[in-house]
Amino acid sequence: MLNKKTMEDILKALAKERPVFHSEADFQFALAEKIKEECKEAKVRLEYPVRDKENEHIDILVMFGKSGFPIELKYKTKKTSITIGSEKFHLAGHSAVNHNRYRFLKDVQRIERWNFPKGFTILLTNDTNYWNGNGQGCDDEDFRIYDGARKSGKLAWRNPTPKDKSLQEEINLSGTYTVKWEPFGERGEFQYLLFEVKK
């Protein structure tokens, strides 16, 4: 079975081997491989379709017998180049941090509504804008995920609402989530946010 402590241990083990990823897909595959390595009895699927949800997929689904645990990932980077050994990483710059915060919290809502007893959302980033600043009075104040923030209930944009229709819907969280950022590896550039999402 998966719980938050197990996921934290898996992420720490992964960070020792892969402190940086080329892309979100690279992170997704590497995490899935590490879960299989650490949880040998589990079956792991990528991009698993959600039943009765057209065009909606789970980033990683971990199965223990008939029990499934969905994991949704976000890998959002600021533009930089990093060399580790002989491997060079040219990381893209993901702007619109406010939109990405919204999408991370939308993943929490999605897992709450899926027919699973528990799941996880993970945001991995080297952009300090995610864990700094409460944004009081800003249009995205409800979606700020600075260290120590608590997310629950209705979350909505202040004015102006984004023009992108996929970002306009209010988020309603059933649970309460406390934001605690953790270092990913020993290099210091990256931190991760992990939420355990329960029904």
Protein backbone atom coordinates (compact mmCIF):
# COMPACT_ATOMS: atom_id res chain seq x y z
CA MET A 1 0.00 0.00 0.00
CA LEU A 2 1.03 3.58 -0.51
CA ASN A 3 0.99 6.28 2.13
CA LYS A 4 2.63 9.69 2.42
CA LYS A 5 5.70 8.38 4.24
CA THR A 6 6.27 5.75 1.55
CA MET A 7 5.96 8.36 -1.19
CA GLU A 8 8.39 10.66 0.65
CA ASP A 9 10.91 7.82 0.91
CA ILE A 10 10.51 7.01 -2.79
CA LEU A 11 11.05 10.66 -3.77
CA LYS A 12 14.16 10.88 -1.57
CA ALA A 13 15.58 7.72 -3.14
CA LEU A 14 14.79 9.03 -6.63
CA ALA A 15 16.45 12.39 -5.91
CA LYS A 16 19.74 10.64 -5.08
CA GLU A 17 19.78 9.05 -8.53
CA ARG A 18 18.02 11.73 -10.60
CA PRO A 19 18.20 15.20 -9.03
CA VAL A 20 17.08 16.82 -12.31
CA PHE A 21 14.77 15.78 -15.17
CA HIS A 22 14.63 16.92 -18.76
CA SER A 23 10.84 17.20 -18.78
CA GLU A 24 7.65 16.23 -16.96
CA ALA A 25 7.51 13.02 -19.02
CA ASP A 26 11.07 12.20 -17.91
CA PHE A 27 10.04 12.77 -14.27
CA GLN A 28 6.90 10.67 -14.74
CA PHE A 29 8.78 7.69 -16.19
CA ALA A 30 11.60 7.86 -13.62
CA LEU A 31 9.16 8.03 -10.70
CA ALA A 32 7.14 5.11 -12.06
CA GLU A 33 10.32 3.03 -12.36
CA LYS A 34 11.35 3.90 -8.80
CA ILE A 35 7.90 2.95 -7.46
CA LYS A 36 8.16 -0.43 -9.20
CA GLU A 37 11.64 -0.90 -7.73
CA GLU A 38 10.57 -0.01 -4.19
CA CYS A 39 7.12 -1.68 -4.26
CA LYS A 40 7.79 -4.95 -6.03
CA GLU A 41 4.26 -6.27 -5.48
CA ALA A 42 2.70 -3.26 -7.24
CA LYS A 43 1.63 -2.91 -10.85
CA VAL A 44 2.33 0.54 -12.29
CA ARG A 45 0.57 2.10 -15.28
CA LEU A 46 1.19 5.41 -17.04
CA GLU A 47 -1.51 7.62 -18.58
CA TYR A 48 -4.25 5.32 -17.32
CA PRO A 49 -7.72 6.35 -18.59
CA VAL A 50 -10.25 7.40 -15.99
CA ARG A 51 -13.42 5.33 -16.23
CA ASP A 52 -16.39 7.33 -17.57
CA LYS A 53 -14.18 10.39 -18.14
CA GLU A 54 -13.50 11.02 -21.81
CA ASN A 55 -9.98 12.29 -22.53
CA GLU A 56 -8.99 12.22 -18.84
CA HIS A 57 -5.97 10.18 -17.79
CA ILE A 58 -4.05 9.47 -14.59
CA ASP A 59 -0.34 10.28 -14.80
CA ILE A 60 0.65 7.21 -12.75
CA LEU A 61 -1.69 4.56 -11.37
CA VAL A 62 -0.20 2.20 -8.78
CA MET A 63 -2.17 -1.02 -8.24
CA PHE A 64 -1.93 -3.36 -5.25
CA GLY A 65 -4.36 -6.12 -6.14
CA LYS A 66 -7.70 -4.37 -6.64
CA SER A 67 -6.65 -1.21 -4.79
CA GLY A 68 -5.52 1.68 -6.97
CA PHE A 69 -3.60 4.81 -6.04
CA PRO A 70 -3.54 7.64 -8.62
CA ILE A 71 -0.61 10.06 -8.74
CA GLU A 72 -0.77 13.38 -10.58
CA LEU A 73 2.48 15.20 -11.36
CA LYS A 74 3.59 18.71 -12.21
CA TYR A 75 7.20 19.56 -13.16
CA LYS A 76 7.50 23.33 -13.56
CA THR A 77 10.92 24.87 -14.10
CA LYS A 78 12.55 28.20 -14.60
CA LYS A 79 14.79 28.38 -17.64
CA THR A 80 18.31 27.23 -16.85
CA SER A 81 21.02 24.78 -17.89
CA ILE A 82 22.46 22.22 -15.48
CA THR A 83 25.24 19.71 -16.03
CA ILE A 84 25.40 16.54 -13.93
CA GLY A 85 28.35 14.35 -14.81
CA SER A 86 28.38 14.20 -18.59
CA GLU A 87 24.64 14.89 -18.96
CA LYS A 88 23.37 18.37 -19.80
CA PHE A 89 19.88 19.50 -18.87
CA HIS A 90 18.40 22.49 -20.71
CA LEU A 91 15.27 23.25 -18.70
CA ALA A 92 12.39 25.14 -20.24
CA GLY A 93 10.95 28.24 -18.63
CA HIS A 94 7.37 27.65 -17.53
CA SER A 95 5.79 31.05 -17.13
CA ALA A 96 2.30 31.83 -15.77
CA VAL A 97 3.07 30.52 -12.28
CA ASN A 98 -0.44 31.55 -11.17
CA HIS A 99 -2.00 29.28 -13.80
CA ASN A 100 0.25 26.39 -12.81
CA ARG A 101 -0.70 26.76 -9.14
CA TYR A 102 -4.34 26.56 -10.20
CA ARG A 103 -3.70 23.41 -12.25
CA PHE A 104 -1.91 21.74 -9.34
CA LEU A 105 -4.86 22.37 -7.03
CA LYS A 106 -7.27 21.29 -9.76
CA ASP A 107 -5.45 17.94 -9.74
CA VAL A 108 -6.22 17.66 -6.02
CA GLN A 109 -9.92 18.20 -6.74
CA ARG A 110 -9.83 15.65 -9.57
CA ILE A 111 -8.39 12.94 -7.32
CA GLU A 112 -10.96 13.72 -4.61
CA ARG A 113 -13.72 13.13 -7.16
CA TRP A 114 -12.31 9.95 -8.67
CA ASN A 115 -13.39 6.58 -7.32
CA PHE A 116 -10.21 5.82 -5.36
CA PRO A 117 -9.78 5.81 -1.58
CA LYS A 118 -6.49 7.72 -1.75
CA GLY A 119 -4.13 9.41 -4.19
CA PHE A 120 -1.24 11.85 -4.38
CA THR A 121 -0.34 15.10 -6.11
CA ILE A 122 3.28 16.15 -6.56
CA LEU A 123 4.71 19.46 -7.74
CA LEU A 124 8.47 19.54 -8.38
CA THR A 125 10.07 22.88 -9.23
CA ASN A 126 13.21 25.01 -9.10
CA ASP A 127 11.17 28.24 -9.23
CA THR A 128 11.08 30.00 -5.86
CA ASN A 129 7.87 31.82 -6.87
CA TYR A 130 5.93 28.67 -5.98
CA TRP A 131 6.97 28.45 -2.33
CA ASN A 132 7.48 32.15 -1.56
CA GLY A 133 4.89 34.89 -1.04
CA ASN A 134 1.28 34.74 0.14
CA GLY A 135 0.10 37.04 -2.66
CA GLN A 136 -2.38 38.80 -0.42
CA GLY A 137 -4.68 40.90 -2.57
CA CYS A 138 -3.47 39.33 -5.84
CA ASP A 139 -5.80 37.79 -8.39
CA ASP A 140 -4.56 34.29 -7.52
CA GLU A 141 -4.45 34.66 -3.71
CA ASP A 142 -6.64 31.56 -3.19
CA PHE A 143 -4.25 29.42 -5.25
CA ARG A 144 -1.00 30.48 -3.58
CA ILE A 145 0.93 27.48 -2.23
CA TYR A 146 3.59 29.17 -0.11
CA ASP A 147 5.05 27.15 2.76
CA GLY A 148 2.56 26.87 5.62
CA ALA A 149 -0.55 27.73 3.58
CA ARG A 150 -3.73 25.71 4.14
CA LYS A 151 -5.91 24.87 1.17
CA SER A 152 -9.55 23.86 1.61
CA GLY A 153 -13.09 24.66 0.48
CA LYS A 154 -13.84 27.02 -2.39
CA LEU A 155 -10.90 28.54 -4.26
CA ALA A 156 -11.60 31.23 -6.84
CA TRP A 157 -9.86 33.94 -8.83
CA ARG A 158 -10.09 37.56 -7.85
CA ASN A 159 -10.48 39.94 -10.78
CA PRO A 160 -9.53 39.53 -13.51
CA THR A 161 -10.52 35.94 -14.29
CA PRO A 162 -8.18 34.28 -16.85
CA LYS A 163 -9.42 34.26 -20.44
CA ASP A 164 -8.52 30.58 -20.79
CA LYS A 165 -11.80 28.70 -20.14
CA SER A 166 -9.93 25.71 -18.68
CA LEU A 167 -8.81 27.97 -15.81
CA GLN A 168 -12.08 29.74 -15.01
CA GLU A 169 -13.94 27.10 -13.00
CA GLU A 170 -13.89 27.43 -9.21
CA ILE A 171 -12.08 24.71 -7.31
CA ASN A 172 -13.87 23.09 -4.36
CA LEU A 173 -11.74 20.91 -2.10
CA SER A 174 -13.37 18.44 0.28
CA GLY A 175 -10.24 17.99 2.36
CA THR A 176 -7.83 20.40 4.04
CA TYR A 177 -4.22 20.41 2.89
CA THR A 178 -1.26 22.06 4.61
CA VAL A 179 1.55 23.14 2.29
CA LYS A 180 4.99 21.88 3.29
CA TRP A 181 7.79 22.17 0.76
CA GLU A 182 10.66 19.70 0.98
CA PRO A 183 14.10 19.73 -0.69
CA PHE A 184 14.51 17.37 -3.62
CA GLY A 185 18.07 16.10 -3.43
CA GLU A 186 21.14 17.79 -2.02
CA ARG A 187 21.87 20.30 -4.78
CA GLY A 188 19.42 22.88 -3.43
CA GLU A 189 17.77 24.03 -6.66
CA PHE A 190 14.63 21.91 -6.46
CA GLN A 191 11.86 21.50 -3.93
CA TYR A 192 8.73 19.37 -4.03
CA LEU A 193 5.22 19.64 -2.63
CA LEU A 194 3.39 16.39 -1.90
CA PHE A 195 -0.28 16.13 -0.94
CA GLU A 196 -1.91 12.89 0.18
CA VAL A 197 -5.48 13.14 -1.12
CA LYS A 198 -8.17 11.07 0.63
CA LYS A 199 -11.87 10.59 -0.04
